[in-house]
Amino acid sequence: MADRTQGKAALQEMVADRASELLTGTEPVYLILERGNYERFKMFVGIEGHITGEVKNPQSPRKSLLIVSNVESPAKAAAPR
């Protein structure tokens, strides 16, 4: 069990690593992340996923919630590229 009162950076790294592990797995997963966290994880850890939904926060766009999955939404998969 991680000590959540100390080592914020270590805890964030652990969360990012686990999210990356889930998103590269074969089982369908859906994660809910703040936009700012998703962008940071994507830049530093290389998390890749499909954004399947968003709940916008007009007061703080980086705090908007994203639904990120390893499954591409059917509508996006069918759209011409």
Protein backbone atom coordinates (compact mmCIF):
# COMPACT_ATOMS: atom_id res chain seq x y z
CA MET A 1 0.00 0.00 0.00
CA ALA A 2 1.36 3.42 -0.94
CA ASP A 3 1.65 6.17 1.67
CA ARG A 4 -0.58 8.82 0.07
CA THR A 5 0.45 11.53 2.54
CA GLN A 6 4.03 11.64 1.24
CA GLY A 7 5.64 11.40 -2.19
CA LYS A 8 3.02 12.95 -4.47
CA ALA A 9 5.31 12.56 -7.50
CA ALA A 10 5.86 8.86 -6.80
CA LEU A 11 2.12 8.30 -6.44
CA GLN A 12 1.40 10.12 -9.72
CA GLU A 13 4.04 8.02 -11.46
CA MET A 14 2.48 4.84 -10.07
CA VAL A 15 -0.97 5.93 -11.31
CA ALA A 16 0.40 6.85 -14.77
CA ASP A 17 2.21 3.51 -15.07
CA ARG A 18 -0.93 1.59 -14.11
CA ALA A 19 -3.08 3.61 -16.53
CA SER A 20 -0.59 2.93 -19.31
CA GLU A 21 -0.60 -0.78 -18.47
CA LEU A 22 -4.41 -0.89 -18.59
CA LEU A 23 -4.66 1.09 -21.85
CA THR A 24 -2.19 -1.22 -23.62
CA GLY A 25 -3.94 -4.36 -22.39
CA THR A 26 -6.34 -6.54 -24.34
CA GLU A 27 -9.28 -6.13 -21.95
CA PRO A 28 -11.52 -3.10 -22.69
CA VAL A 29 -10.98 -0.36 -20.10
CA TYR A 30 -12.37 3.11 -19.54
CA LEU A 31 -10.51 5.60 -17.34
CA ILE A 32 -11.76 8.95 -16.11
CA LEU A 33 -8.97 11.53 -15.90
CA GLU A 34 -8.73 15.28 -15.58
CA ARG A 35 -7.62 16.76 -18.90
CA GLY A 36 -4.47 18.22 -17.33
CA ASN A 37 -3.46 14.84 -15.88
CA TYR A 38 -4.12 13.06 -19.17
CA GLU A 39 -2.02 15.59 -21.08
CA ARG A 40 0.81 15.33 -18.53
CA PHE A 41 0.72 11.51 -18.52
CA LYS A 42 0.66 11.47 -22.32
CA MET A 43 3.70 13.76 -22.52
CA PHE A 44 5.84 12.14 -19.81
CA VAL A 45 4.74 8.50 -19.78
CA GLY A 46 3.49 8.12 -23.34
CA ILE A 47 -0.04 7.06 -22.45
CA GLU A 48 -2.06 6.46 -25.59
CA GLY A 49 -5.80 6.08 -25.60
CA HIS A 50 -8.98 7.09 -27.35
CA ILE A 51 -10.91 9.97 -25.82
CA THR A 52 -14.48 8.70 -25.92
CA GLY A 53 -16.13 11.48 -23.94
CA GLU A 54 -15.61 14.72 -22.07
CA VAL A 55 -17.34 16.58 -19.24
CA LYS A 56 -16.29 20.20 -19.67
CA ASN A 57 -15.47 22.48 -16.75
CA PRO A 58 -15.98 26.05 -18.05
CA GLN A 59 -14.20 27.62 -15.05
CA SER A 60 -11.07 25.48 -15.48
CA PRO A 61 -10.67 23.66 -18.82
CA ARG A 62 -7.67 21.61 -17.58
CA LYS A 63 -9.98 20.20 -14.88
CA SER A 64 -12.48 18.96 -17.47
CA LEU A 65 -12.95 15.20 -17.16
CA LEU A 66 -12.02 12.90 -20.04
CA ILE A 67 -13.15 9.34 -20.57
CA VAL A 68 -10.15 7.56 -22.08
CA SER A 69 -10.29 4.02 -23.41
CA ASN A 70 -8.27 1.43 -25.26
CA VAL A 71 -11.41 0.82 -27.36
CA GLU A 72 -12.10 3.22 -30.20
CA SER A 73 -15.70 4.42 -30.26
CA PRO A 74 -17.70 2.78 -33.07
CA ALA A 75 -18.67 6.19 -34.53
CA LYS A 76 -15.04 7.30 -34.77
CA ALA A 77 -13.89 3.94 -36.14
CA ALA A 78 -16.48 4.15 -38.95
CA ALA A 79 -15.69 7.77 -39.85
CA PRO A 80 -13.60 8.30 -42.99
CA ARG A 81 -10.05 9.46 -42.32
